[in-house]
Amino acid sequence: MGTVVDPLWRIEGPIKQSTEVINDTLPVNFDARVNWPACANVIGFVRDQSNCGSCWANATTETFNDRMCIETGGAFQKLLSVSDTTACCDGTSCFSYGCNGG
């Protein structure tokens, strides 16, 4: 699934269980392009990952791109580089293996 998991990375502590049920009404439909029309072109831009196992880089870069546009009220429209994110480090420093996962 594109993730390298270190078995020593874990969160320890009690598991929080909630018995409270929240009955908020969820919308029937939600389209971020409609909710933030100034960012519709950035949010609606779909990239082609092809056969590169860099889903982690695509997801994080695209999410950051969308949030930058939303935060600036549409002023930030530049598309960030998934290639730069994919190649930002190697397997020894941050477990990035490029198109082989990370």
PDB file of N, CA and C in Angstrom:
ATOM      1  N   MET A   1       0.818  -1.184   0.000  1.00  0.00           N
ATOM      2  CA  MET A   1       0.000   0.000   0.000  1.00  0.00           C
ATOM      3  C   MET A   1       0.866   1.253   0.000  1.00  0.00           C
ATOM      4  N   GLY A   2       2.144   1.167  -0.274  1.00  0.00           N
ATOM      5  CA  GLY A   2       2.981   2.335  -0.358  1.00  0.00           C
ATOM      6  C   GLY A   2       3.519   2.830   0.966  1.00  0.00           C
ATOM      7  N   THR A   3       3.338   2.065   2.024  1.00  0.00           N
ATOM      8  CA  THR A   3       3.773   2.505   3.339  1.00  0.00           C
ATOM      9  C   THR A   3       4.821   1.552   3.895  1.00  0.00           C
ATOM     10  N   VAL A   4       5.890   2.108   4.405  1.00  0.00           N
ATOM     11  CA  VAL A   4       6.904   1.318   5.080  1.00  0.00           C
ATOM     12  C   VAL A   4       6.654   1.491   6.572  1.00  0.00           C
ATOM     13  N   VAL A   5       6.382   0.413   7.250  1.00  0.00           N
ATOM     14  CA  VAL A   5       6.029   0.491   8.659  1.00  0.00           C
ATOM     15  C   VAL A   5       7.161  -0.071   9.506  1.00  0.00           C
ATOM     16  N   ASP A   6       7.639   0.730  10.427  1.00  0.00           N
ATOM     17  CA  ASP A   6       8.647   0.290  11.382  1.00  0.00           C
ATOM     18  C   ASP A   6       7.906  -0.322  12.566  1.00  0.00           C
ATOM     19  N   PRO A   7       8.147  -1.583  12.902  1.00  0.00           N
ATOM     20  CA  PRO A   7       7.404  -2.221  13.997  1.00  0.00           C
ATOM     21  C   PRO A   7       7.645  -1.563  15.355  1.00  0.00           C
ATOM     22  N   LEU A   8       8.681  -0.747  15.473  1.00  0.00           N
ATOM     23  CA  LEU A   8       8.941  -0.074  16.744  1.00  0.00           C
ATOM     24  C   LEU A   8       8.174   1.241  16.884  1.00  0.00           C
ATOM     25  N   TRP A   9       7.552   1.709  15.808  1.00  0.00           N
ATOM     26  CA  TRP A   9       6.765   2.937  15.872  1.00  0.00           C
ATOM     27  C   TRP A   9       5.362   2.585  16.340  1.00  0.00           C
ATOM     28  N   ARG A  10       5.049   2.924  17.540  1.00  0.00           N
ATOM     29  CA  ARG A  10       3.697   2.686  18.030  1.00  0.00           C
ATOM     30  C   ARG A  10       3.347   3.715  19.084  1.00  0.00           C
ATOM     31  N   ILE A  11       2.089   3.936  19.229  1.00  0.00           N
ATOM     32  CA  ILE A  11       1.580   4.843  20.242  1.00  0.00           C
ATOM     33  C   ILE A  11       1.089   3.985  21.393  1.00  0.00           C
ATOM     34  N   GLU A  12       1.668   4.222  22.532  1.00  0.00           N
ATOM     35  CA  GLU A  12       1.277   3.419  23.685  1.00  0.00           C
ATOM     36  C   GLU A  12       0.451   4.254  24.646  1.00  0.00           C
ATOM     37  N   GLY A  13      -0.418   3.604  25.340  1.00  0.00           N
ATOM     38  CA  GLY A  13      -1.268   4.281  26.309  1.00  0.00           C
ATOM     39  C   GLY A  13      -2.666   3.699  26.251  1.00  0.00           C
ATOM     40  N   PRO A  14      -3.517   4.182  27.120  1.00  0.00           N
ATOM     41  CA  PRO A  14      -4.875   3.629  27.148  1.00  0.00           C
ATOM     42  C   PRO A  14      -5.653   4.022  25.892  1.00  0.00           C
ATOM     43  N   ILE A  15      -6.506   3.141  25.452  1.00  0.00           N
ATOM     44  CA  ILE A  15      -7.357   3.405  24.309  1.00  0.00           C
ATOM     45  C   ILE A  15      -8.574   4.168  24.806  1.00  0.00           C
ATOM     46  N   LYS A  16      -8.793   5.333  24.225  1.00  0.00           N
ATOM     47  CA  LYS A  16      -9.924   6.160  24.621  1.00  0.00           C
ATOM     48  C   LYS A  16     -11.178   5.644  23.935  1.00  0.00           C
ATOM     49  N   GLN A  17     -12.173   5.348  24.737  1.00  0.00           N
ATOM     50  CA  GLN A  17     -13.444   4.898  24.192  1.00  0.00           C
ATOM     51  C   GLN A  17     -14.517   5.892  24.593  1.00  0.00           C
ATOM     52  N   SER A  18     -15.314   6.271  23.633  1.00  0.00           N
ATOM     53  CA  SER A  18     -16.376   7.225  23.888  1.00  0.00           C
ATOM     54  C   SER A  18     -17.712   6.523  23.799  1.00  0.00           C
ATOM     55  N   THR A  19     -18.560   6.808  24.751  1.00  0.00           N
ATOM     56  CA  THR A  19     -19.918   6.255  24.726  1.00  0.00           C
ATOM     57  C   THR A  19     -20.912   7.316  24.263  1.00  0.00           C
ATOM     58  N   GLU A  20     -20.401   8.544  24.041  1.00  0.00           N
ATOM     59  CA  GLU A  20     -21.264   9.635  23.615  1.00  0.00           C
ATOM     60  C   GLU A  20     -21.564   9.498  22.129  1.00  0.00           C
ATOM     61  N   VAL A  21     -22.826   9.616  21.773  1.00  0.00           N
ATOM     62  CA  VAL A  21     -23.244   9.560  20.384  1.00  0.00           C
ATOM     63  C   VAL A  21     -23.607  10.974  19.953  1.00  0.00           C
ATOM     64  N   ILE A  22     -23.004  11.402  18.867  1.00  0.00           N
ATOM     65  CA  ILE A  22     -23.283  12.734  18.339  1.00  0.00           C
ATOM     66  C   ILE A  22     -24.266  12.583  17.187  1.00  0.00           C
ATOM     67  N   ASN A  23     -25.349  13.292  17.274  1.00  0.00           N
ATOM     68  CA  ASN A  23     -26.410  13.181  16.269  1.00  0.00           C
ATOM     69  C   ASN A  23     -26.452  14.386  15.342  1.00  0.00           C
ATOM     70  N   ASP A  24     -25.278  14.860  14.915  1.00  0.00           N
ATOM     71  CA  ASP A  24     -25.249  15.969  13.968  1.00  0.00           C
ATOM     72  C   ASP A  24     -25.783  15.500  12.621  1.00  0.00           C
ATOM     73  N   THR A  25     -26.433  16.391  11.954  1.00  0.00           N
ATOM     74  CA  THR A  25     -26.949  16.086  10.626  1.00  0.00           C
ATOM     75  C   THR A  25     -25.836  16.302   9.603  1.00  0.00           C
ATOM     76  N   LEU A  26     -25.553  15.283   8.835  1.00  0.00           N
ATOM     77  CA  LEU A  26     -24.542  15.379   7.793  1.00  0.00           C
ATOM     78  C   LEU A  26     -25.201  15.812   6.490  1.00  0.00           C
ATOM     79  N   PRO A  27     -24.478  16.591   5.686  1.00  0.00           N
ATOM     80  CA  PRO A  27     -25.073  16.993   4.408  1.00  0.00           C
ATOM     81  C   PRO A  27     -25.235  15.795   3.483  1.00  0.00           C
ATOM     82  N   VAL A  28     -26.212  15.869   2.634  1.00  0.00           N
ATOM     83  CA  VAL A  28     -26.435  14.800   1.660  1.00  0.00           C
ATOM     84  C   VAL A  28     -25.331  14.823   0.612  1.00  0.00           C
ATOM     85  N   ASN A  29     -24.894  16.023   0.236  1.00  0.00           N
ATOM     86  CA  ASN A  29     -23.835  16.191  -0.759  1.00  0.00           C
ATOM     87  C   ASN A  29     -22.820  17.199  -0.252  1.00  0.00           C
ATOM     88  N   PHE A  30     -21.572  17.031  -0.660  1.00  0.00           N
ATOM     89  CA  PHE A  30     -20.545  18.023  -0.378  1.00  0.00           C
ATOM     90  C   PHE A  30     -19.532  17.995  -1.502  1.00  0.00           C
ATOM     91  N   ASP A  31     -19.285  19.156  -2.076  1.00  0.00           N
ATOM     92  CA  ASP A  31     -18.293  19.298  -3.142  1.00  0.00           C
ATOM     93  C   ASP A  31     -17.401  20.475  -2.753  1.00  0.00           C
ATOM     94  N   ALA A  32     -16.131  20.196  -2.467  1.00  0.00           N
ATOM     95  CA  ALA A  32     -15.208  21.242  -2.032  1.00  0.00           C
ATOM     96  C   ALA A  32     -15.056  22.324  -3.092  1.00  0.00           C
ATOM     97  N   ARG A  33     -15.205  21.974  -4.363  1.00  0.00           N
ATOM     98  CA  ARG A  33     -15.092  22.963  -5.435  1.00  0.00           C
ATOM     99  C   ARG A  33     -16.227  23.984  -5.364  1.00  0.00           C
ATOM    100  N   VAL A  34     -17.379  23.539  -4.900  1.00  0.00           N
ATOM    101  CA  VAL A  34     -18.522  24.443  -4.735  1.00  0.00           C
ATOM    102  C   VAL A  34     -18.368  25.238  -3.440  1.00  0.00           C
ATOM    103  N   ASN A  35     -17.893  24.580  -2.387  1.00  0.00           N
ATOM    104  CA  ASN A  35     -17.731  25.244  -1.092  1.00  0.00           C
ATOM    105  C   ASN A  35     -16.654  26.336  -1.133  1.00  0.00           C
ATOM    106  N   TRP A  36     -15.590  26.116  -1.896  1.00  0.00           N
ATOM    107  CA  TRP A  36     -14.504  27.091  -2.059  1.00  0.00           C
ATOM    108  C   TRP A  36     -14.316  27.351  -3.549  1.00  0.00           C
ATOM    109  N   PRO A  37     -15.219  28.117  -4.171  1.00  0.00           N
ATOM    110  CA  PRO A  37     -15.160  28.310  -5.630  1.00  0.00           C
ATOM    111  C   PRO A  37     -13.877  28.983  -6.111  1.00  0.00           C
ATOM    112  N   ALA A  38     -13.255  29.800  -5.294  1.00  0.00           N
ATOM    113  CA  ALA A  38     -11.998  30.451  -5.701  1.00  0.00           C
ATOM    114  C   ALA A  38     -10.886  29.427  -5.889  1.00  0.00           C
ATOM    115  N   CYS A  39     -11.052  28.239  -5.322  1.00  0.00           N
ATOM    116  CA  CYS A  39     -10.030  27.184  -5.400  1.00  0.00           C
ATOM    117  C   CYS A  39     -10.496  25.995  -6.241  1.00  0.00           C
ATOM    118  N   ALA A  40     -11.574  26.164  -6.972  1.00  0.00           N
ATOM    119  CA  ALA A  40     -12.147  25.041  -7.729  1.00  0.00           C
ATOM    120  C   ALA A  40     -11.147  24.419  -8.695  1.00  0.00           C
ATOM    121  N   ASN A  41     -10.323  25.230  -9.359  1.00  0.00           N
ATOM    122  CA  ASN A  41      -9.356  24.681 -10.318  1.00  0.00           C
ATOM    123  C   ASN A  41      -8.259  23.891  -9.620  1.00  0.00           C
ATOM    124  N   VAL A  42      -7.826  24.334  -8.446  1.00  0.00           N
ATOM    125  CA  VAL A  42      -6.777  23.625  -7.701  1.00  0.00           C
ATOM    126  C   VAL A  42      -7.355  22.345  -7.095  1.00  0.00           C
ATOM    127  N   ILE A  43      -8.496  22.458  -6.427  1.00  0.00           N
ATOM    128  CA  ILE A  43      -9.122  21.301  -5.772  1.00  0.00           C
ATOM    129  C   ILE A  43      -9.544  20.258  -6.798  1.00  0.00           C
ATOM    130  N   GLY A  44     -10.012  20.698  -7.948  1.00  0.00           N
ATOM    131  CA  GLY A  44     -10.513  19.774  -8.970  1.00  0.00           C
ATOM    132  C   GLY A  44      -9.447  19.203  -9.880  1.00  0.00           C
ATOM    133  N   PHE A  45      -8.204  19.645  -9.725  1.00  0.00           N
ATOM    134  CA  PHE A  45      -7.133  19.144 -10.577  1.00  0.00           C
ATOM    135  C   PHE A  45      -6.767  17.721 -10.146  1.00  0.00           C
ATOM    136  N   VAL A  46      -6.906  16.770 -11.051  1.00  0.00           N
ATOM    137  CA  VAL A  46      -6.614  15.368 -10.755  1.00  0.00           C
ATOM    138  C   VAL A  46      -5.298  15.003 -11.423  1.00  0.00           C
ATOM    139  N   ARG A  47      -4.350  14.543 -10.631  1.00  0.00           N
ATOM    140  CA  ARG A  47      -3.036  14.168 -11.157  1.00  0.00           C
ATOM    141  C   ARG A  47      -3.019  12.685 -11.526  1.00  0.00           C
ATOM    142  N   ASP A  48      -2.123  12.327 -12.413  1.00  0.00           N
ATOM    143  CA  ASP A  48      -1.973  10.945 -12.853  1.00  0.00           C
ATOM    144  C   ASP A  48      -0.749  10.350 -12.171  1.00  0.00           C
ATOM    145  N   GLN A  49      -0.968   9.429 -11.282  1.00  0.00           N
ATOM    146  CA  GLN A  49       0.119   8.763 -10.558  1.00  0.00           C
ATOM    147  C   GLN A  49       0.760   7.675 -11.417  1.00  0.00           C
ATOM    148  N   SER A  50       0.074   7.265 -12.456  1.00  0.00           N
ATOM    149  CA  SER A  50       0.518   6.183 -13.345  1.00  0.00           C
ATOM    150  C   SER A  50       0.910   4.951 -12.540  1.00  0.00           C
ATOM    151  N   ASN A  51       2.075   4.372 -12.832  1.00  0.00           N
ATOM    152  CA  ASN A  51       2.469   3.147 -12.130  1.00  0.00           C
ATOM    153  C   ASN A  51       3.471   3.439 -11.018  1.00  0.00           C
ATOM    154  N   CYS A  52       3.491   4.669 -10.533  1.00  0.00           N
ATOM    155  CA  CYS A  52       4.411   5.051  -9.458  1.00  0.00           C
ATOM    156  C   CYS A  52       3.739   4.827  -8.104  1.00  0.00           C
ATOM    157  N   GLY A  53       4.364   4.070  -7.237  1.00  0.00           N
ATOM    158  CA  GLY A  53       3.805   3.769  -5.921  1.00  0.00           C
ATOM    159  C   GLY A  53       4.030   4.887  -4.921  1.00  0.00           C
ATOM    160  N   SER A  54       3.668   6.081  -5.316  1.00  0.00           N
ATOM    161  CA  SER A  54       3.897   7.241  -4.454  1.00  0.00           C
ATOM    162  C   SER A  54       2.585   7.847  -3.980  1.00  0.00           C
ATOM    163  N   CYS A  55       1.622   7.004  -3.640  1.00  0.00           N
ATOM    164  CA  CYS A  55       0.323   7.516  -3.201  1.00  0.00           C
ATOM    165  C   CYS A  55       0.480   8.454  -2.006  1.00  0.00           C
ATOM    166  N   TRP A  56       1.429   8.153  -1.153  1.00  0.00           N
ATOM    167  CA  TRP A  56       1.669   8.993   0.028  1.00  0.00           C
ATOM    168  C   TRP A  56       2.097  10.396  -0.388  1.00  0.00           C
ATOM    169  N   ALA A  57       2.906  10.514  -1.443  1.00  0.00           N
ATOM    170  CA  ALA A  57       3.363  11.816  -1.912  1.00  0.00           C
ATOM    171  C   ALA A  57       2.249  12.562  -2.634  1.00  0.00           C
ATOM    172  N   ASN A  58       1.467  11.843  -3.426  1.00  0.00           N
ATOM    173  CA  ASN A  58       0.342  12.468  -4.118  1.00  0.00           C
ATOM    174  C   ASN A  58      -0.680  12.990  -3.116  1.00  0.00           C
ATOM    175  N   ALA A  59      -1.057  12.172  -2.172  1.00  0.00           N
ATOM    176  CA  ALA A  59      -2.084  12.571  -1.205  1.00  0.00           C
ATOM    177  C   ALA A  59      -1.652  13.768  -0.369  1.00  0.00           C
ATOM    178  N   THR A  60      -0.438  13.736   0.157  1.00  0.00           N
ATOM    179  CA  THR A  60       0.001  14.836   1.016  1.00  0.00           C
ATOM    180  C   THR A  60       0.218  16.119   0.238  1.00  0.00           C
ATOM    181  N   THR A  61       0.798  16.024  -0.944  1.00  0.00           N
ATOM    182  CA  THR A  61       1.054  17.226  -1.742  1.00  0.00           C
ATOM    183  C   THR A  61      -0.248  17.855  -2.209  1.00  0.00           C
ATOM    184  N   GLU A  62      -1.175  17.041  -2.698  1.00  0.00           N
ATOM    185  CA  GLU A  62      -2.454  17.567  -3.160  1.00  0.00           C
ATOM    186  C   GLU A  62      -3.261  18.164  -2.007  1.00  0.00           C
ATOM    187  N   THR A  63      -3.225  17.529  -0.861  1.00  0.00           N
ATOM    188  CA  THR A  63      -3.946  18.061   0.297  1.00  0.00           C
ATOM    189  C   THR A  63      -3.352  19.389   0.725  1.00  0.00           C
ATOM    190  N   PHE A  64      -2.027  19.469   0.782  1.00  0.00           N
ATOM    191  CA  PHE A  64      -1.372  20.718   1.156  1.00  0.00           C
ATOM    192  C   PHE A  64      -1.683  21.803   0.127  1.00  0.00           C
ATOM    193  N   ASN A  65      -1.702  21.438  -1.141  1.00  0.00           N
ATOM    194  CA  ASN A  65      -2.032  22.376  -2.207  1.00  0.00           C
ATOM    195  C   ASN A  65      -3.433  22.959  -2.014  1.00  0.00           C
ATOM    196  N   ASP A  66      -4.395  22.087  -1.773  1.00  0.00           N
ATOM    197  CA  ASP A  66      -5.781  22.526  -1.562  1.00  0.00           C
ATOM    198  C   ASP A  66      -5.886  23.438  -0.348  1.00  0.00           C
ATOM    199  N   ARG A  67      -5.236  23.041   0.745  1.00  0.00           N
ATOM    200  CA  ARG A  67      -5.329  23.829   1.991  1.00  0.00           C
ATOM    201  C   ARG A  67      -4.661  25.187   1.862  1.00  0.00           C
ATOM    202  N   MET A  68      -3.563  25.266   1.102  1.00  0.00           N
ATOM    203  CA  MET A  68      -2.902  26.556   0.875  1.00  0.00           C
ATOM    204  C   MET A  68      -3.832  27.497   0.100  1.00  0.00           C
ATOM    205  N   CYS A  69      -4.517  26.966  -0.884  1.00  0.00           N
ATOM    206  CA  CYS A  69      -5.444  27.771  -1.668  1.00  0.00           C
ATOM    207  C   CYS A  69      -6.606  28.243  -0.787  1.00  0.00           C
ATOM    208  N   ILE A  70      -7.184  27.337  -0.022  1.00  0.00           N
ATOM    209  CA  ILE A  70      -8.311  27.684   0.847  1.00  0.00           C
ATOM    210  C   ILE A  70      -7.888  28.718   1.886  1.00  0.00           C
ATOM    211  N   GLU A  71      -6.735  28.526   2.511  1.00  0.00           N
ATOM    212  CA  GLU A  71      -6.257  29.434   3.556  1.00  0.00           C
ATOM    213  C   GLU A  71      -6.008  30.845   3.020  1.00  0.00           C
ATOM    214  N   THR A  72      -5.574  30.943   1.763  1.00  0.00           N
ATOM    215  CA  THR A  72      -5.276  32.263   1.191  1.00  0.00           C
ATOM    216  C   THR A  72      -6.462  32.849   0.434  1.00  0.00           C
ATOM    217  N   GLY A  73      -7.620  32.226   0.563  1.00  0.00           N
ATOM    218  CA  GLY A  73      -8.811  32.740  -0.118  1.00  0.00           C
ATOM    219  C   GLY A  73      -8.714  32.683  -1.628  1.00  0.00           C
ATOM    220  N   GLY A  74      -7.925  31.751  -2.140  1.00  0.00           N
ATOM    221  CA  GLY A  74      -7.776  31.573  -3.580  1.00  0.00           C
ATOM    222  C   GLY A  74      -6.564  32.271  -4.171  1.00  0.00           C
ATOM    223  N   ALA A  75      -5.795  32.971  -3.337  1.00  0.00           N
ATOM    224  CA  ALA A  75      -4.611  33.677  -3.849  1.00  0.00           C
ATOM    225  C   ALA A  75      -3.504  32.708  -4.250  1.00  0.00           C
ATOM    226  N   PHE A  76      -3.384  31.583  -3.560  1.00  0.00           N
ATOM    227  CA  PHE A  76      -2.357  30.583  -3.880  1.00  0.00           C
ATOM    228  C   PHE A  76      -2.955  29.581  -4.858  1.00  0.00           C
ATOM    229  N   GLN A  77      -2.588  29.693  -6.116  1.00  0.00           N
ATOM    230  CA  GLN A  77      -3.137  28.832  -7.162  1.00  0.00           C
ATOM    231  C   GLN A  77      -2.093  27.927  -7.805  1.00  0.00           C
ATOM    232  N   LYS A  78      -0.839  28.085  -7.426  1.00  0.00           N
ATOM    233  CA  LYS A  78       0.239  27.305  -8.041  1.00  0.00           C
ATOM    234  C   LYS A  78       0.104  25.837  -7.636  1.00  0.00           C
ATOM    235  N   LEU A  79       0.326  24.929  -8.587  1.00  0.00           N
ATOM    236  CA  LEU A  79       0.288  23.504  -8.275  1.00  0.00           C
ATOM    237  C   LEU A  79       1.655  23.065  -7.770  1.00  0.00           C
ATOM    238  N   LEU A  80       1.679  22.490  -6.597  1.00  0.00           N
ATOM    239  CA  LEU A  80       2.920  22.019  -5.999  1.00  0.00           C
ATOM    240  C   LEU A  80       3.375  20.734  -6.685  1.00  0.00           C
ATOM    241  N   SER A  81       4.646  20.414  -6.564  1.00  0.00           N
ATOM    242  CA  SER A  81       5.236  19.292  -7.278  1.00  0.00           C
ATOM    243  C   SER A  81       5.208  18.001  -6.449  1.00  0.00           C
ATOM    244  N   VAL A  82       4.471  17.017  -6.953  1.00  0.00           N
ATOM    245  CA  VAL A  82       4.474  15.691  -6.328  1.00  0.00           C
ATOM    246  C   VAL A  82       5.837  15.034  -6.523  1.00  0.00           C
ATOM    247  N   SER A  83       6.483  15.308  -7.638  1.00  0.00           N
ATOM    248  CA  SER A  83       7.822  14.745  -7.893  1.00  0.00           C
ATOM    249  C   SER A  83       8.815  15.212  -6.844  1.00  0.00           C
ATOM    250  N   ASP A  84       8.730  16.485  -6.469  1.00  0.00           N
ATOM    251  CA  ASP A  84       9.622  16.993  -5.425  1.00  0.00           C
ATOM    252  C   ASP A  84       9.356  16.293  -4.097  1.00  0.00           C
ATOM    253  N   THR A  85       8.095  16.096  -3.770  1.00  0.00           N
ATOM    254  CA  THR A  85       7.753  15.400  -2.522  1.00  0.00           C
ATOM    255  C   THR A  85       8.250  13.962  -2.558  1.00  0.00           C
ATOM    256  N   THR A  86       8.058  13.290  -3.673  1.00  0.00           N
ATOM    257  CA  THR A  86       8.475  11.892  -3.815  1.00  0.00           C
ATOM    258  C   THR A  86       9.983  11.742  -3.654  1.00  0.00           C
ATOM    259  N   ALA A  87      10.729  12.695  -4.171  1.00  0.00           N
ATOM    260  CA  ALA A  87      12.184  12.606  -4.170  1.00  0.00           C
ATOM    261  C   ALA A  87      12.851  13.381  -3.039  1.00  0.00           C
ATOM    262  N   CYS A  88      12.079  13.798  -2.044  1.00  0.00           N
ATOM    263  CA  CYS A  88      12.613  14.715  -1.027  1.00  0.00           C
ATOM    264  C   CYS A  88      13.682  14.086  -0.136  1.00  0.00           C
ATOM    265  N   CYS A  89      13.717  12.802  -0.026  1.00  0.00           N
ATOM    266  CA  CYS A  89      14.739  12.160   0.799  1.00  0.00           C
ATOM    267  C   CYS A  89      14.903  10.710   0.355  1.00  0.00           C
ATOM    268  N   ASP A  90      15.836  10.025   0.962  1.00  0.00           N
ATOM    269  CA  ASP A  90      16.061   8.635   0.554  1.00  0.00           C
ATOM    270  C   ASP A  90      15.613   7.667   1.656  1.00  0.00           C
ATOM    271  N   GLY A  91      15.765   6.403   1.373  1.00  0.00           N
ATOM    272  CA  GLY A  91      15.301   5.369   2.289  1.00  0.00           C
ATOM    273  C   GLY A  91      15.993   5.342   3.633  1.00  0.00           C
ATOM    274  N   THR A  92      17.197   5.872   3.708  1.00  0.00           N
ATOM    275  CA  THR A  92      17.914   5.829   4.984  1.00  0.00           C
ATOM    276  C   THR A  92      17.527   6.959   5.922  1.00  0.00           C
ATOM    277  N   SER A  93      17.053   8.087   5.381  1.00  0.00           N
ATOM    278  CA  SER A  93      16.762   9.217   6.255  1.00  0.00           C
ATOM    279  C   SER A  93      15.288   9.377   6.603  1.00  0.00           C
ATOM    280  N   CYS A  94      14.392   9.006   5.712  1.00  0.00           N
ATOM    281  CA  CYS A  94      12.972   9.165   6.053  1.00  0.00           C
ATOM    282  C   CYS A  94      12.092   8.130   5.364  1.00  0.00           C
ATOM    283  N   PHE A  95      12.644   7.020   4.991  1.00  0.00           N
ATOM    284  CA  PHE A  95      11.909   5.888   4.434  1.00  0.00           C
ATOM    285  C   PHE A  95      11.143   6.221   3.150  1.00  0.00           C
ATOM    286  N   SER A  96      11.717   7.095   2.306  1.00  0.00           N
ATOM    287  CA  SER A  96      11.135   7.368   0.994  1.00  0.00           C
ATOM    288  C   SER A  96      11.870   6.517  -0.026  1.00  0.00           C
ATOM    289  N   TYR A  97      11.142   5.718  -0.747  1.00  0.00           N
ATOM    290  CA  TYR A  97      11.738   4.877  -1.787  1.00  0.00           C
ATOM    291  C   TYR A  97      11.195   5.281  -3.161  1.00  0.00           C
ATOM    292  N   GLY A  98      10.901   6.577  -3.313  1.00  0.00           N
ATOM    293  CA  GLY A  98      10.412   7.075  -4.589  1.00  0.00           C
ATOM    294  C   GLY A  98       9.157   6.363  -5.037  1.00  0.00           C
ATOM    295  N   CYS A  99       9.156   5.878  -6.269  1.00  0.00           N
ATOM    296  CA  CYS A  99       7.989   5.186  -6.810  1.00  0.00           C
ATOM    297  C   CYS A  99       7.810   3.786  -6.235  1.00  0.00           C
ATOM    298  N   ASN A 100       8.716   3.357  -5.387  1.00  0.00           N
ATOM    299  CA  ASN A 100       8.581   2.044  -4.749  1.00  0.00           C
ATOM    300  C   ASN A 100       7.944   2.138  -3.372  1.00  0.00           C
ATOM    301  N   GLY A 101       7.383   3.284  -3.037  1.00  0.00           N
ATOM    302  CA  GLY A 101       6.678   3.445  -1.764  1.00  0.00           C
ATOM    303  C   GLY A 101       7.469   4.283  -0.777  1.00  0.00           C
ATOM    304  N   GLY A 102       6.891   4.452   0.358  1.00  0.00           N
ATOM    305  CA  GLY A 102       7.552   5.265   1.369  1.00  0.00           C
ATOM    306  C   GLY A 102       6.756   5.393   2.623  1.00  0.00           C
TER     307      GLY A 102
END
